[in-house]
Amino acid sequence: MRIWIYGLLCVAPLLVSGCGHKLGYRHFAGPILPAADRVDAEQYVVHDDHSIDFVKGRLEVSLLPMTVEMLNRQLAGHSSRPEGFHEANPYTTPTNPFTYGDWKPGWEEEQPTRFTVFLLKVKNYAYPKVWLDPYSIEITVPNGRRYQAFTRLALDEYFSTYALGYAGNTFLPFRERRDVLLRTMYPEDEMVFSGQEREGFIAFAPLASDVEELDLRIEGMVLRFDYRNQPVEQIDIAYPFTREVYLAKHRRAEGP
């Protein structure tokens, strides 16, 4: 009996250390950055703000990964609760649809990620008109997992579960989020004519904690149309990105 107990005590630490998880440690992920080693310098330009431009003549299609802090700054009027209240007014909660605003769980030091968001920009100074479907854009990762861009309707359905009511003050946060989405998401039906520029957000589900490399793919962007307005020239564009994922007790300080 003593030999069996002694053997168990010796094996137990090995089992615990071999389980692949350290007690008190959590998954963290750094910001999404361009994968410079996978960027074709002849077709892409990487900028200091971490955006990637696809360049074809005088056509530019750019993607910029957005952090929670960047989204809260750009939509500052929708990202914070008013100060001076003992308890927050439930009708003035943050209505930024892409983040949780300034809210964070009481045990955390930062806001959680609600969606994976990119800013998409198209500058057309090369073709009579171009068009892309933002809802056909997807993120692919090496293990085969795919993340499809959310449509406005899908986000409407997502936020409908948060609506306290469908009339009066209880409906205001839902309506305000819908208005922000309408103003800020990349337009789905608009052509970009010669000399014009378009921009807007595209949103995906949060990336899994193990995702380190990802490609964002624009499928079937139309560059030329025939006399019936049917596509005759299309291209697919892939943007390589990466991020650091790690286990730690606390998030590492980001560089300047």
C-alpha atoms as a PDB file:
ATOM      1  CA  MET A   1       0.000   0.000   0.000  1.00  0.00           C
ATOM      2  CA  ARG A   2       2.802   2.378   0.944  1.00  0.00           C
ATOM      3  CA  ILE A   3       4.609   1.578  -2.316  1.00  0.00           C
ATOM      4  CA  TRP A   4       1.435   2.371  -4.320  1.00  0.00           C
ATOM      5  CA  ILE A   5       0.919   5.730  -2.564  1.00  0.00           C
ATOM      6  CA  TYR A   6       4.572   6.633  -2.995  1.00  0.00           C
ATOM      7  CA  GLY A   7       4.362   5.799  -6.695  1.00  0.00           C
ATOM      8  CA  LEU A   8       1.241   7.936  -7.096  1.00  0.00           C
ATOM      9  CA  LEU A   9       2.902  10.901  -5.391  1.00  0.00           C
ATOM     10  CA  CYS A  10       5.850  10.618  -7.757  1.00  0.00           C
ATOM     11  CA  VAL A  11       3.725  10.354 -10.896  1.00  0.00           C
ATOM     12  CA  ALA A  12       1.181  13.089 -10.029  1.00  0.00           C
ATOM     13  CA  PRO A  13       3.564  16.051 -10.649  1.00  0.00           C
ATOM     14  CA  LEU A  14       4.440  14.568 -14.038  1.00  0.00           C
ATOM     15  CA  LEU A  15       0.783  14.307 -14.981  1.00  0.00           C
ATOM     16  CA  VAL A  16       0.100  17.889 -13.942  1.00  0.00           C
ATOM     17  CA  SER A  17       3.149  19.270 -15.754  1.00  0.00           C
ATOM     18  CA  GLY A  18       2.295  17.281 -18.860  1.00  0.00           C
ATOM     19  CA  CYS A  19      -1.295  18.450 -19.215  1.00  0.00           C
ATOM     20  CA  GLY A  20      -0.207  21.407 -21.355  1.00  0.00           C
ATOM     21  CA  HIS A  21      -1.691  24.158 -19.180  1.00  0.00           C
ATOM     22  CA  LYS A  22      -0.091  26.250 -16.460  1.00  0.00           C
ATOM     23  CA  LEU A  23      -2.243  27.200 -13.528  1.00  0.00           C
ATOM     24  CA  GLY A  24      -2.931  30.939 -13.436  1.00  0.00           C
ATOM     25  CA  TYR A  25      -1.870  31.465 -17.066  1.00  0.00           C
ATOM     26  CA  ARG A  26      -4.210  32.641 -19.831  1.00  0.00           C
ATOM     27  CA  HIS A  27      -4.156  33.049 -23.596  1.00  0.00           C
ATOM     28  CA  PHE A  28      -3.249  36.510 -24.881  1.00  0.00           C
ATOM     29  CA  ALA A  29      -2.877  37.814 -28.421  1.00  0.00           C
ATOM     30  CA  GLY A  30      -0.979  40.804 -29.704  1.00  0.00           C
ATOM     31  CA  PRO A  31      -2.245  43.185 -32.391  1.00  0.00           C
ATOM     32  CA  ILE A  32      -2.796  41.975 -35.940  1.00  0.00           C
ATOM     33  CA  LEU A  33       0.172  43.048 -38.089  1.00  0.00           C
ATOM     34  CA  PRO A  34       1.186  42.641 -41.742  1.00  0.00           C
ATOM     35  CA  ALA A  35       3.185  39.453 -42.340  1.00  0.00           C
ATOM     36  CA  ALA A  36       6.094  41.234 -44.028  1.00  0.00           C
ATOM     37  CA  ASP A  37       7.836  37.988 -44.981  1.00  0.00           C
ATOM     38  CA  ARG A  38       4.787  36.893 -46.996  1.00  0.00           C
ATOM     39  CA  VAL A  39       4.063  40.210 -48.738  1.00  0.00           C
ATOM     40  CA  ASP A  40       4.806  40.472 -52.467  1.00  0.00           C
ATOM     41  CA  ALA A  41       6.655  43.780 -52.735  1.00  0.00           C
ATOM     42  CA  GLU A  42       5.718  44.130 -56.405  1.00  0.00           C
ATOM     43  CA  GLN A  43       1.974  44.247 -55.720  1.00  0.00           C
ATOM     44  CA  TYR A  44       1.655  45.320 -52.088  1.00  0.00           C
ATOM     45  CA  VAL A  45       2.797  48.249 -49.970  1.00  0.00           C
ATOM     46  CA  VAL A  46       3.027  47.944 -46.174  1.00  0.00           C
ATOM     47  CA  HIS A  47       2.614  51.187 -44.235  1.00  0.00           C
ATOM     48  CA  ASP A  48       3.738  52.235 -40.763  1.00  0.00           C
ATOM     49  CA  ASP A  49       0.133  52.214 -39.508  1.00  0.00           C
ATOM     50  CA  HIS A  50       0.070  48.415 -40.202  1.00  0.00           C
ATOM     51  CA  SER A  51      -2.151  48.710 -43.264  1.00  0.00           C
ATOM     52  CA  ILE A  52      -1.475  46.823 -46.490  1.00  0.00           C
ATOM     53  CA  ASP A  53      -2.217  48.343 -49.911  1.00  0.00           C
ATOM     54  CA  PHE A  54      -2.797  46.191 -52.968  1.00  0.00           C
ATOM     55  CA  VAL A  55      -1.696  48.299 -55.953  1.00  0.00           C
ATOM     56  CA  LYS A  56      -2.614  47.698 -59.597  1.00  0.00           C
ATOM     57  CA  GLY A  57      -1.746  50.736 -61.670  1.00  0.00           C
ATOM     58  CA  ARG A  58      -3.702  53.596 -60.107  1.00  0.00           C
ATOM     59  CA  LEU A  59      -6.081  51.292 -58.263  1.00  0.00           C
ATOM     60  CA  GLU A  60      -5.426  50.830 -54.538  1.00  0.00           C
ATOM     61  CA  VAL A  61      -7.280  48.468 -52.216  1.00  0.00           C
ATOM     62  CA  SER A  62      -6.174  48.850 -48.615  1.00  0.00           C
ATOM     63  CA  LEU A  63      -6.856  46.927 -45.404  1.00  0.00           C
ATOM     64  CA  LEU A  64      -6.061  48.211 -41.918  1.00  0.00           C
ATOM     65  CA  PRO A  65      -6.569  45.972 -38.842  1.00  0.00           C
ATOM     66  CA  MET A  66      -8.444  47.922 -36.163  1.00  0.00           C
ATOM     67  CA  THR A  67      -7.771  47.528 -32.442  1.00  0.00           C
ATOM     68  CA  VAL A  68     -10.377  48.089 -29.728  1.00  0.00           C
ATOM     69  CA  GLU A  69      -8.643  51.338 -28.789  1.00  0.00           C
ATOM     70  CA  MET A  70      -8.703  52.614 -32.381  1.00  0.00           C
ATOM     71  CA  LEU A  71     -12.402  51.812 -32.769  1.00  0.00           C
ATOM     72  CA  ASN A  72     -13.261  53.509 -29.484  1.00  0.00           C
ATOM     73  CA  ARG A  73     -11.349  56.618 -30.532  1.00  0.00           C
ATOM     74  CA  GLN A  74     -12.987  56.795 -33.968  1.00  0.00           C
ATOM     75  CA  LEU A  75     -16.450  56.365 -32.439  1.00  0.00           C
ATOM     76  CA  ALA A  76     -15.747  58.215 -29.210  1.00  0.00           C
ATOM     77  CA  GLY A  77     -19.284  59.584 -28.905  1.00  0.00           C
ATOM     78  CA  HIS A  78     -20.640  56.018 -28.824  1.00  0.00           C
ATOM     79  CA  SER A  79     -17.981  54.391 -26.659  1.00  0.00           C
ATOM     80  CA  SER A  80     -18.355  55.765 -23.131  1.00  0.00           C
ATOM     81  CA  ARG A  81     -20.950  56.171 -20.422  1.00  0.00           C
ATOM     82  CA  PRO A  82     -21.739  59.694 -19.181  1.00  0.00           C
ATOM     83  CA  GLU A  83     -19.945  60.649 -15.967  1.00  0.00           C
ATOM     84  CA  GLY A  84     -21.523  61.973 -12.814  1.00  0.00           C
ATOM     85  CA  PHE A  85     -24.068  59.212 -12.156  1.00  0.00           C
ATOM     86  CA  HIS A  86     -24.029  56.947  -9.114  1.00  0.00           C
ATOM     87  CA  GLU A  87     -25.478  54.225 -11.323  1.00  0.00           C
ATOM     88  CA  ALA A  88     -25.309  54.291 -15.097  1.00  0.00           C
ATOM     89  CA  ASN A  89     -28.482  55.172 -16.972  1.00  0.00           C
ATOM     90  CA  PRO A  90     -29.431  51.962 -18.840  1.00  0.00           C
ATOM     91  CA  TYR A  91     -30.487  54.043 -21.865  1.00  0.00           C
ATOM     92  CA  THR A  92     -27.054  55.680 -22.234  1.00  0.00           C
ATOM     93  CA  THR A  93     -24.877  52.577 -22.386  1.00  0.00           C
ATOM     94  CA  PRO A  94     -22.053  52.580 -24.985  1.00  0.00           C
ATOM     95  CA  THR A  95     -23.547  52.017 -28.430  1.00  0.00           C
ATOM     96  CA  ASN A  96     -20.349  51.418 -30.400  1.00  0.00           C
ATOM     97  CA  PRO A  97     -21.406  48.319 -32.384  1.00  0.00           C
ATOM     98  CA  PHE A  98     -17.840  47.093 -32.937  1.00  0.00           C
ATOM     99  CA  THR A  99     -16.671  47.115 -29.293  1.00  0.00           C
ATOM    100  CA  TYR A 100     -18.032  47.058 -25.757  1.00  0.00           C
ATOM    101  CA  GLY A 101     -17.093  50.718 -25.408  1.00  0.00           C
ATOM    102  CA  ASP A 102     -15.402  51.582 -22.121  1.00  0.00           C
ATOM    103  CA  TRP A 103     -16.963  48.599 -20.352  1.00  0.00           C
ATOM    104  CA  LYS A 104     -14.747  45.811 -19.109  1.00  0.00           C
ATOM    105  CA  PRO A 105     -15.265  42.910 -16.713  1.00  0.00           C
ATOM    106  CA  GLY A 106     -14.469  43.896 -13.145  1.00  0.00           C
ATOM    107  CA  TRP A 107     -11.505  41.532 -12.961  1.00  0.00           C
ATOM    108  CA  GLU A 108      -9.917  42.682 -16.237  1.00  0.00           C
ATOM    109  CA  GLU A 109      -7.628  45.602 -17.040  1.00  0.00           C
ATOM    110  CA  GLU A 110      -8.754  46.059 -20.646  1.00  0.00           C
ATOM    111  CA  GLN A 111     -11.855  45.903 -22.822  1.00  0.00           C
ATOM    112  CA  PRO A 112     -12.601  42.500 -24.380  1.00  0.00           C
ATOM    113  CA  THR A 113     -12.720  42.006 -28.143  1.00  0.00           C
ATOM    114  CA  ARG A 114     -16.224  41.951 -29.602  1.00  0.00           C
ATOM    115  CA  PHE A 115     -15.365  41.535 -33.292  1.00  0.00           C
ATOM    116  CA  THR A 116     -12.305  41.306 -35.518  1.00  0.00           C
ATOM    117  CA  VAL A 117     -12.532  44.514 -37.556  1.00  0.00           C
ATOM    118  CA  PHE A 118     -10.665  45.856 -40.582  1.00  0.00           C
ATOM    119  CA  LEU A 119     -10.960  49.204 -42.341  1.00  0.00           C
ATOM    120  CA  LEU A 120     -11.322  48.644 -46.092  1.00  0.00           C
ATOM    121  CA  LYS A 121     -10.439  51.475 -48.505  1.00  0.00           C
ATOM    122  CA  VAL A 122     -10.724  51.519 -52.287  1.00  0.00           C
ATOM    123  CA  LYS A 123      -9.171  54.285 -54.420  1.00  0.00           C
ATOM    124  CA  ASN A 124     -10.017  54.031 -58.104  1.00  0.00           C
ATOM    125  CA  TYR A 125      -8.056  56.215 -60.496  1.00  0.00           C
ATOM    126  CA  ALA A 126      -7.536  53.494 -63.121  1.00  0.00           C
ATOM    127  CA  TYR A 127     -10.877  52.037 -64.299  1.00  0.00           C
ATOM    128  CA  PRO A 128     -14.263  53.448 -65.345  1.00  0.00           C
ATOM    129  CA  LYS A 129     -15.780  51.659 -62.337  1.00  0.00           C
ATOM    130  CA  VAL A 130     -14.905  48.834 -59.957  1.00  0.00           C
ATOM    131  CA  TRP A 131     -16.909  46.841 -57.425  1.00  0.00           C
ATOM    132  CA  LEU A 132     -16.390  44.331 -54.653  1.00  0.00           C
ATOM    133  CA  ASP A 133     -18.760  42.505 -52.342  1.00  0.00           C
ATOM    134  CA  PRO A 134     -17.590  43.165 -48.756  1.00  0.00           C
ATOM    135  CA  TYR A 135     -19.699  40.282 -47.434  1.00  0.00           C
ATOM    136  CA  SER A 136     -17.853  37.745 -49.572  1.00  0.00           C
ATOM    137  CA  ILE A 137     -14.565  38.610 -47.870  1.00  0.00           C
ATOM    138  CA  GLU A 138     -13.267  35.945 -45.525  1.00  0.00           C
ATOM    139  CA  ILE A 139     -10.376  35.216 -43.200  1.00  0.00           C
ATOM    140  CA  THR A 140      -8.595  31.893 -43.638  1.00  0.00           C
ATOM    141  CA  VAL A 141      -6.066  30.356 -41.255  1.00  0.00           C
ATOM    142  CA  PRO A 142      -3.580  27.496 -41.809  1.00  0.00           C
ATOM    143  CA  ASN A 143      -5.660  24.866 -39.981  1.00  0.00           C
ATOM    144  CA  GLY A 144      -8.521  25.385 -42.460  1.00  0.00           C
ATOM    145  CA  ARG A 145     -10.767  27.460 -40.226  1.00  0.00           C
ATOM    146  CA  ARG A 146     -12.672  30.240 -42.027  1.00  0.00           C
ATOM    147  CA  TYR A 147     -14.289  33.444 -40.791  1.00  0.00           C
ATOM    148  CA  GLN A 148     -16.891  35.021 -43.064  1.00  0.00           C
ATOM    149  CA  ALA A 149     -17.546  38.773 -42.967  1.00  0.00           C
ATOM    150  CA  PHE A 150     -20.781  39.691 -41.183  1.00  0.00           C
ATOM    151  CA  THR A 151     -23.570  41.306 -43.192  1.00  0.00           C
ATOM    152  CA  ARG A 152     -25.551  44.230 -41.818  1.00  0.00           C
ATOM    153  CA  LEU A 153     -28.543  41.924 -41.456  1.00  0.00           C
ATOM    154  CA  ALA A 154     -26.488  39.447 -39.418  1.00  0.00           C
ATOM    155  CA  LEU A 155     -25.307  42.237 -37.118  1.00  0.00           C
ATOM    156  CA  ASP A 156     -28.885  43.507 -36.816  1.00  0.00           C
ATOM    157  CA  GLU A 157     -29.924  40.064 -35.617  1.00  0.00           C
ATOM    158  CA  TYR A 158     -26.942  39.929 -33.247  1.00  0.00           C
ATOM    159  CA  PHE A 159     -27.845  43.226 -31.578  1.00  0.00           C
ATOM    160  CA  SER A 160     -31.596  42.527 -31.508  1.00  0.00           C
ATOM    161  CA  THR A 161     -30.928  40.183 -28.585  1.00  0.00           C
ATOM    162  CA  TYR A 162     -29.630  43.188 -26.611  1.00  0.00           C
ATOM    163  CA  ALA A 163     -32.721  45.326 -27.222  1.00  0.00           C
ATOM    164  CA  LEU A 164     -34.628  46.037 -23.995  1.00  0.00           C
ATOM    165  CA  GLY A 165     -37.741  46.853 -26.001  1.00  0.00           C
ATOM    166  CA  TYR A 166     -38.944  47.901 -29.432  1.00  0.00           C
ATOM    167  CA  ALA A 167     -40.377  51.330 -28.689  1.00  0.00           C
ATOM    168  CA  GLY A 168     -39.404  54.491 -26.831  1.00  0.00           C
ATOM    169  CA  ASN A 169     -36.216  54.823 -24.789  1.00  0.00           C
ATOM    170  CA  THR A 170     -35.719  51.070 -24.550  1.00  0.00           C
ATOM    171  CA  PHE A 171     -35.319  50.919 -28.325  1.00  0.00           C
ATOM    172  CA  LEU A 172     -32.856  53.825 -28.628  1.00  0.00           C
ATOM    173  CA  PRO A 173     -29.563  51.887 -28.086  1.00  0.00           C
ATOM    174  CA  PHE A 174     -30.511  49.306 -30.719  1.00  0.00           C
ATOM    175  CA  ARG A 175     -31.505  51.986 -33.229  1.00  0.00           C
ATOM    176  CA  GLU A 176     -28.334  53.965 -32.563  1.00  0.00           C
ATOM    177  CA  ARG A 177     -26.136  50.911 -33.138  1.00  0.00           C
ATOM    178  CA  ARG A 178     -27.994  50.233 -36.380  1.00  0.00           C
ATOM    179  CA  ASP A 179     -27.430  53.839 -37.507  1.00  0.00           C
ATOM    180  CA  VAL A 180     -23.705  53.615 -36.725  1.00  0.00           C
ATOM    181  CA  LEU A 181     -23.410  50.377 -38.711  1.00  0.00           C
ATOM    182  CA  LEU A 182     -25.192  51.978 -41.665  1.00  0.00           C
ATOM    183  CA  ARG A 183     -22.783  54.926 -41.634  1.00  0.00           C
ATOM    184  CA  THR A 184     -19.521  53.098 -41.030  1.00  0.00           C
ATOM    185  CA  MET A 185     -19.647  49.666 -42.708  1.00  0.00           C
ATOM    186  CA  TYR A 186     -18.279  49.365 -46.221  1.00  0.00           C
ATOM    187  CA  PRO A 187     -21.220  49.878 -48.641  1.00  0.00           C
ATOM    188  CA  GLU A 188     -22.283  46.647 -50.313  1.00  0.00           C
ATOM    189  CA  ASP A 189     -24.037  47.930 -53.449  1.00  0.00           C
ATOM    190  CA  GLU A 190     -21.994  50.957 -54.504  1.00  0.00           C
ATOM    191  CA  MET A 191     -19.706  51.079 -57.520  1.00  0.00           C
ATOM    192  CA  VAL A 192     -16.470  53.019 -57.141  1.00  0.00           C
ATOM    193  CA  PHE A 193     -16.291  55.143 -60.269  1.00  0.00           C
ATOM    194  CA  SER A 194     -13.158  56.665 -61.756  1.00  0.00           C
ATOM    195  CA  GLY A 195     -11.731  59.333 -59.462  1.00  0.00           C
ATOM    196  CA  GLN A 196     -13.722  58.154 -56.434  1.00  0.00           C
ATOM    197  CA  GLU A 197     -12.754  56.622 -53.108  1.00  0.00           C
ATOM    198  CA  ARG A 198     -14.762  54.448 -50.711  1.00  0.00           C
ATOM    199  CA  GLU A 199     -14.046  53.202 -47.225  1.00  0.00           C
ATOM    200  CA  GLY A 200     -15.777  51.382 -44.401  1.00  0.00           C
ATOM    201  CA  PHE A 201     -15.432  48.670 -41.786  1.00  0.00           C
ATOM    202  CA  ILE A 202     -15.814  44.936 -42.271  1.00  0.00           C
ATOM    203  CA  ALA A 203     -16.371  42.770 -39.195  1.00  0.00           C
ATOM    204  CA  PHE A 204     -15.687  39.120 -38.406  1.00  0.00           C
ATOM    205  CA  ALA A 205     -16.093  36.899 -35.366  1.00  0.00           C
ATOM    206  CA  PRO A 206     -13.234  37.119 -32.828  1.00  0.00           C
ATOM    207  CA  LEU A 207     -10.278  34.975 -33.821  1.00  0.00           C
ATOM    208  CA  ALA A 208      -9.635  31.796 -31.863  1.00  0.00           C
ATOM    209  CA  SER A 209      -6.876  32.041 -29.262  1.00  0.00           C
ATOM    210  CA  ASP A 210      -4.523  29.803 -31.282  1.00  0.00           C
ATOM    211  CA  VAL A 211      -4.609  31.828 -34.531  1.00  0.00           C
ATOM    212  CA  GLU A 212      -1.161  33.250 -35.319  1.00  0.00           C
ATOM    213  CA  GLU A 213      -1.250  33.536 -39.118  1.00  0.00           C
ATOM    214  CA  LEU A 214      -4.219  34.631 -41.192  1.00  0.00           C
ATOM    215  CA  ASP A 215      -4.996  35.646 -44.755  1.00  0.00           C
ATOM    216  CA  LEU A 216      -7.816  38.007 -45.573  1.00  0.00           C
ATOM    217  CA  ARG A 217      -9.166  37.255 -49.048  1.00  0.00           C
ATOM    218  CA  ILE A 218     -11.198  39.471 -51.373  1.00  0.00           C
ATOM    219  CA  GLU A 219     -12.759  37.185 -53.953  1.00  0.00           C
ATOM    220  CA  GLY A 220     -13.912  38.342 -57.376  1.00  0.00           C
ATOM    221  CA  MET A 221     -13.335  42.092 -57.279  1.00  0.00           C
ATOM    222  CA  VAL A 222     -14.691  43.356 -60.614  1.00  0.00           C
ATOM    223  CA  LEU A 223     -12.414  45.664 -62.619  1.00  0.00           C
ATOM    224  CA  ARG A 224     -14.262  45.820 -65.960  1.00  0.00           C
ATOM    225  CA  PHE A 225     -17.837  45.399 -67.137  1.00  0.00           C
ATOM    226  CA  ASP A 226     -19.346  44.808 -70.583  1.00  0.00           C
ATOM    227  CA  TYR A 227     -22.165  46.792 -72.181  1.00  0.00           C
ATOM    228  CA  ARG A 228     -24.716  44.729 -70.225  1.00  0.00           C
ATOM    229  CA  ASN A 229     -22.967  45.657 -66.964  1.00  0.00           C
ATOM    230  CA  GLN A 230     -21.740  42.082 -66.555  1.00  0.00           C
ATOM    231  CA  PRO A 231     -18.218  41.420 -65.169  1.00  0.00           C
ATOM    232  CA  VAL A 232     -15.558  40.680 -67.779  1.00  0.00           C
ATOM    233  CA  GLU A 233     -12.404  41.116 -65.669  1.00  0.00           C
ATOM    234  CA  GLN A 234     -12.071  40.073 -62.036  1.00  0.00           C
ATOM    235  CA  ILE A 235      -9.235  39.577 -59.557  1.00  0.00           C
ATOM    236  CA  ASP A 236      -8.751  37.851 -56.203  1.00  0.00           C
ATOM    237  CA  ILE A 237      -6.636  39.619 -53.591  1.00  0.00           C
ATOM    238  CA  ALA A 238      -5.045  38.021 -50.506  1.00  0.00           C
ATOM    239  CA  TYR A 239      -3.586  40.012 -47.599  1.00  0.00           C
ATOM    240  CA  PRO A 240      -1.219  38.147 -45.226  1.00  0.00           C
ATOM    241  CA  PHE A 241      -1.316  39.101 -41.550  1.00  0.00           C
ATOM    242  CA  THR A 242       0.143  37.708 -38.352  1.00  0.00           C
ATOM    243  CA  ARG A 243      -0.081  38.197 -34.599  1.00  0.00           C
ATOM    244  CA  GLU A 244       1.718  36.944 -31.515  1.00  0.00           C
ATOM    245  CA  VAL A 245      -0.170  34.544 -29.246  1.00  0.00           C
ATOM    246  CA  TYR A 246       1.183  33.464 -25.867  1.00  0.00           C
ATOM    247  CA  LEU A 247       0.347  32.167 -22.407  1.00  0.00           C
ATOM    248  CA  ALA A 248       0.967  34.516 -19.495  1.00  0.00           C
ATOM    249  CA  LYS A 249      -0.523  35.716 -16.232  1.00  0.00           C
ATOM    250  CA  HIS A 250      -0.698  39.297 -17.502  1.00  0.00           C
ATOM    251  CA  ARG A 251      -0.592  40.924 -20.922  1.00  0.00           C
ATOM    252  CA  ARG A 252       2.801  42.084 -22.055  1.00  0.00           C
ATOM    253  CA  ALA A 253       3.371  45.788 -22.527  1.00  0.00           C
ATOM    254  CA  GLU A 254       3.102  46.752 -26.206  1.00  0.00           C
ATOM    255  CA  GLY A 255       5.949  48.602 -27.865  1.00  0.00           C
ATOM    256  CA  PRO A 256       5.692  52.288 -28.851  1.00  0.00           C
END
